[in-house]
């Protein structure tokens, strides 16, 4: 269950953030777009939401529907949100929609939301939490992990997986990640290097076969 964030938090980092810009690229989503926008508008977060809708020259009536709807009134949620609607004059692709949204955004934090209901706005508090608590500068959703974790450099990930497999083979215990922890960077004070991994592997093999 997502953690609800509060503006009354003692975390001083919250004072640096006032607005969450939510970029929603839209293309031929007439059936789902308003339901998605309502979910975004009413999702409680501790920041003012700037909802930026970018229609990429939809041809199924989405464009006209958004123009005819009073989205500012519909989605303002008693002043908790502001809404911006931008219409491309030709189809330019999702990447262009995201760039248009970035150009229009004023928030300290920017979130990209698809318009097809595939990604649930209820996850916003969990996505924001690592940034607001000072643990991350960027957060990426991942369908294959439960809960937040720091993204490792790829070579470290490979070495970690190799070390875990060797540990499992030597001990007969199935451990997915023998070095699981809330990792730090070297700038944050991390001191363990590849040499420590080599020593750990040496001791693991030595004690495994020692009488």
Protein backbone atom coordinates (compact mmCIF):
# COMPACT_ATOMS: atom_id res chain seq x y z
CA UNK A 1 0.00 0.00 0.00
CA UNK A 2 1.50 3.39 -0.96
CA UNK A 3 2.71 5.64 1.82
CA UNK A 4 0.77 8.88 2.07
CA UNK A 5 3.10 11.86 2.24
CA UNK A 6 2.29 14.93 4.29
CA UNK A 7 3.37 18.54 4.01
CA UNK A 8 3.78 18.46 7.79
CA UNK A 9 6.77 16.10 7.44
CA UNK A 10 9.90 17.17 9.34
CA UNK A 11 12.02 16.47 6.26
CA UNK A 12 13.62 19.83 5.32
CA UNK A 13 14.02 18.67 1.70
CA UNK A 14 10.26 19.04 1.21
CA UNK A 15 10.67 22.81 1.30
CA UNK A 16 12.63 22.69 -1.96
CA UNK A 17 9.69 21.18 -3.82
CA UNK A 18 6.41 22.95 -4.40
CA UNK A 19 5.05 21.66 -7.72
CA UNK A 20 4.83 18.29 -9.42
CA UNK A 21 4.50 18.60 -13.20
CA UNK A 22 2.71 15.60 -14.72
CA UNK A 23 3.20 15.30 -18.48
CA UNK A 24 0.50 13.24 -20.22
CA UNK A 25 1.16 12.59 -23.93
CA UNK A 26 -2.13 11.68 -25.61
CA UNK A 27 -2.80 10.04 -28.95
CA UNK A 28 -6.14 8.43 -29.84
CA UNK A 29 -7.19 7.76 -26.25
CA UNK A 30 -10.77 9.03 -26.43
CA UNK A 31 -12.10 6.05 -24.47
CA UNK A 32 -9.77 6.32 -21.46
CA UNK A 33 -8.36 9.84 -21.36
CA UNK A 34 -10.91 11.50 -19.07
CA UNK A 35 -10.96 8.61 -16.61
CA UNK A 36 -7.17 8.78 -16.44
CA UNK A 37 -7.17 12.56 -16.01
CA UNK A 38 -9.65 12.35 -13.14
CA UNK A 39 -7.50 9.73 -11.42
CA UNK A 40 -4.43 11.95 -11.79
CA UNK A 41 -6.29 15.02 -10.58
CA UNK A 42 -7.63 13.34 -7.44
CA UNK A 43 -4.52 11.40 -6.49
CA UNK A 44 -3.38 12.91 -3.17
CA UNK A 45 0.25 14.02 -3.07
CA UNK A 46 1.97 16.62 -0.91
CA UNK A 47 2.75 18.94 -3.85
CA UNK A 48 0.70 21.16 -6.12
CA UNK A 49 0.04 19.25 -9.35
CA UNK A 50 0.60 20.87 -12.74
CA UNK A 51 -1.18 18.58 -15.23
CA UNK A 52 0.18 19.05 -18.75
CA UNK A 53 -1.86 17.34 -21.48
CA UNK A 54 -0.22 17.11 -24.90
CA UNK A 55 -2.43 15.81 -27.73
CA UNK A 56 -0.37 14.52 -30.64
CA UNK A 57 -2.92 15.26 -33.39
CA UNK A 58 -5.36 12.51 -32.41
CA UNK A 59 -7.74 11.32 -35.11
CA UNK A 60 -10.34 9.47 -33.00
CA UNK A 61 -12.06 12.51 -31.45
CA UNK A 62 -9.72 12.84 -28.46
CA UNK A 63 -8.45 16.21 -29.64
CA UNK A 64 -11.94 17.68 -30.08
CA UNK A 65 -13.13 16.16 -26.80
CA UNK A 66 -10.30 17.80 -24.87
CA UNK A 67 -10.95 21.14 -26.58
CA UNK A 68 -14.66 21.03 -25.81
CA UNK A 69 -14.24 19.88 -22.21
CA UNK A 70 -13.57 22.42 -19.51
CA UNK A 71 -10.56 20.51 -18.26
CA UNK A 72 -9.36 23.34 -16.00
CA UNK A 73 -12.61 23.30 -14.02
CA UNK A 74 -13.03 19.54 -14.26
CA UNK A 75 -9.57 18.76 -12.94
CA UNK A 76 -8.65 21.67 -10.66
CA UNK A 77 -9.71 19.73 -7.54
CA UNK A 78 -10.40 22.84 -5.46
CA UNK A 79 -7.16 24.53 -6.44
CA UNK A 80 -4.89 21.53 -5.86
CA UNK A 81 -4.12 21.37 -9.60
CA UNK A 82 -3.51 23.59 -12.58
CA UNK A 83 -4.09 22.24 -16.09
CA UNK A 84 -2.35 23.03 -19.38
CA UNK A 85 -3.57 21.69 -22.72
CA UNK A 86 -1.28 21.73 -25.76
CA UNK A 87 -2.33 20.55 -29.23
CA UNK A 88 0.20 19.48 -31.85
CA UNK A 89 -0.65 20.63 -35.36
CA UNK A 90 0.58 17.31 -36.79
CA UNK A 91 1.43 13.88 -35.45
CA UNK A 92 4.99 14.03 -34.14
CA UNK A 93 5.32 10.95 -31.93
CA UNK A 94 5.35 10.34 -28.19
CA UNK A 95 8.89 11.66 -27.75
CA UNK A 96 7.86 15.00 -29.19
CA UNK A 97 4.87 15.03 -26.85
CA UNK A 98 7.15 14.52 -23.86
CA UNK A 99 9.50 17.29 -25.05
CA UNK A 100 6.53 19.64 -25.49
CA UNK A 101 5.44 18.80 -21.97
CA UNK A 102 8.90 19.44 -20.55
CA UNK A 103 9.01 22.82 -22.28
CA UNK A 104 5.70 23.77 -20.65
CA UNK A 105 6.51 22.43 -17.19
CA UNK A 106 7.38 24.66 -14.24
CA UNK A 107 7.57 22.05 -11.46
CA UNK A 108 10.69 21.06 -9.57
CA UNK A 109 9.74 17.41 -10.15
CA UNK A 110 8.45 16.09 -13.49
CA UNK A 111 6.51 12.85 -13.92
CA UNK A 112 5.49 11.23 -17.23
CA UNK A 113 2.10 9.47 -17.28
CA UNK A 114 0.67 7.47 -20.18
CA UNK A 115 -2.97 8.16 -21.02
CA UNK A 116 -4.09 4.54 -21.46
CA UNK A 117 -4.57 3.52 -17.79
CA UNK A 118 -1.66 1.06 -17.97
CA UNK A 119 0.19 2.89 -15.19
CA UNK A 120 -1.78 3.64 -12.03
CA UNK A 121 -1.55 7.15 -10.50
CA UNK A 122 -1.99 5.53 -7.09
CA UNK A 123 1.75 4.80 -7.29
CA UNK A 124 2.69 8.51 -7.28
CA UNK A 125 3.48 8.72 -3.53
CA UNK A 126 5.87 5.76 -3.76
CA UNK A 127 7.55 7.23 -6.85
CA UNK A 128 7.99 10.61 -5.16
CA UNK A 129 9.14 9.32 -1.80
CA UNK A 130 12.83 8.60 -2.67
CA UNK A 131 13.19 12.08 -4.19
CA UNK A 132 11.46 13.92 -1.36
CA UNK A 133 13.52 12.02 1.22
CA UNK A 134 16.78 12.82 -0.55
CA UNK A 135 17.63 9.28 -1.66
CA UNK A 136 17.33 9.84 -5.43
CA UNK A 137 17.41 12.46 -8.16
CA UNK A 138 15.35 10.30 -10.55
CA UNK A 139 12.97 7.37 -10.08
CA UNK A 140 11.97 4.78 -12.68
CA UNK A 141 9.01 2.43 -12.38
CA UNK A 142 9.75 -1.28 -12.71
CA UNK A 143 7.11 -3.99 -13.09
CA UNK A 144 9.56 -6.70 -11.98
CA UNK A 145 10.54 -5.34 -8.56
CA UNK A 146 8.46 -4.87 -5.44
CA UNK A 147 9.47 -1.80 -3.49
CA UNK A 148 12.16 0.85 -4.07
CA UNK A 149 15.82 0.02 -4.64
CA UNK A 150 18.89 1.85 -5.87
CA UNK A 151 19.85 1.13 -9.47
CA UNK A 152 23.35 -0.32 -9.64
CA UNK A 153 25.91 0.20 -12.37
CA UNK A 154 25.59 -2.69 -14.79
CA UNK A 155 29.03 -4.20 -14.16
CA UNK A 156 28.35 -4.16 -10.41
CA UNK A 157 25.04 -5.87 -11.00
CA UNK A 158 26.76 -8.63 -13.04
CA UNK A 159 29.47 -9.13 -10.41
CA UNK A 160 26.84 -9.21 -7.66
CA UNK A 161 24.81 -11.85 -9.51
CA UNK A 162 27.94 -13.94 -10.20
CA UNK A 163 28.99 -13.75 -6.54
CA UNK A 164 25.48 -14.74 -5.44
CA UNK A 165 25.46 -17.76 -7.76
CA UNK A 166 28.87 -18.92 -6.51
CA UNK A 167 27.71 -18.53 -2.88
CA UNK A 168 24.61 -20.58 -3.62
CA UNK A 169 26.64 -23.34 -5.30
CA UNK A 170 29.12 -23.54 -2.41
CA UNK A 171 26.59 -23.38 0.42
CA UNK A 172 23.52 -25.05 -1.08
CA UNK A 173 21.41 -22.09 0.05
CA UNK A 174 19.25 -20.22 -2.46
CA UNK A 175 19.92 -16.51 -1.84
CA UNK A 176 18.93 -14.09 -4.57
CA UNK A 177 21.26 -11.25 -3.54
CA UNK A 178 23.96 -11.88 -0.94
CA UNK A 179 24.86 -8.19 -0.83
CA UNK A 180 21.35 -6.76 -0.57
CA UNK A 181 21.25 -3.46 1.30
CA UNK A 182 20.43 0.20 0.78
CA UNK A 183 23.59 0.92 -1.18
CA UNK A 184 25.58 4.14 -1.17
CA UNK A 185 27.72 5.72 -3.83
CA UNK A 186 31.43 6.44 -3.29
CA UNK A 187 30.52 10.13 -3.02
CA UNK A 188 28.22 9.23 -0.11
CA UNK A 189 30.98 7.33 1.69
CA UNK A 190 30.94 3.86 0.16
CA UNK A 191 34.28 2.15 0.90
CA UNK A 192 33.87 -1.41 -0.40
CA UNK A 193 35.73 -2.05 -3.67
CA UNK A 194 36.29 -5.03 -5.97
CA UNK A 195 39.22 -6.04 -3.76
CA UNK A 196 36.83 -6.68 -0.87
CA UNK A 197 34.74 -8.87 -3.16
CA UNK A 198 37.85 -10.87 -4.10
CA UNK A 199 38.74 -11.38 -0.42
CA UNK A 200 35.18 -12.43 0.39
CA UNK A 201 35.18 -14.96 -2.45
CA UNK A 202 38.57 -16.33 -1.35
CA UNK A 203 37.36 -16.78 2.25
CA UNK A 204 34.10 -18.35 1.10
CA UNK A 205 35.95 -21.02 -0.92
CA UNK A 206 38.61 -21.53 1.77
CA UNK A 207 36.15 -22.08 4.60
CA UNK A 208 33.81 -24.17 2.44
CA UNK A 209 36.45 -26.85 1.98
CA UNK A 210 38.25 -26.43 5.29
CA UNK A 211 37.85 -29.32 7.74
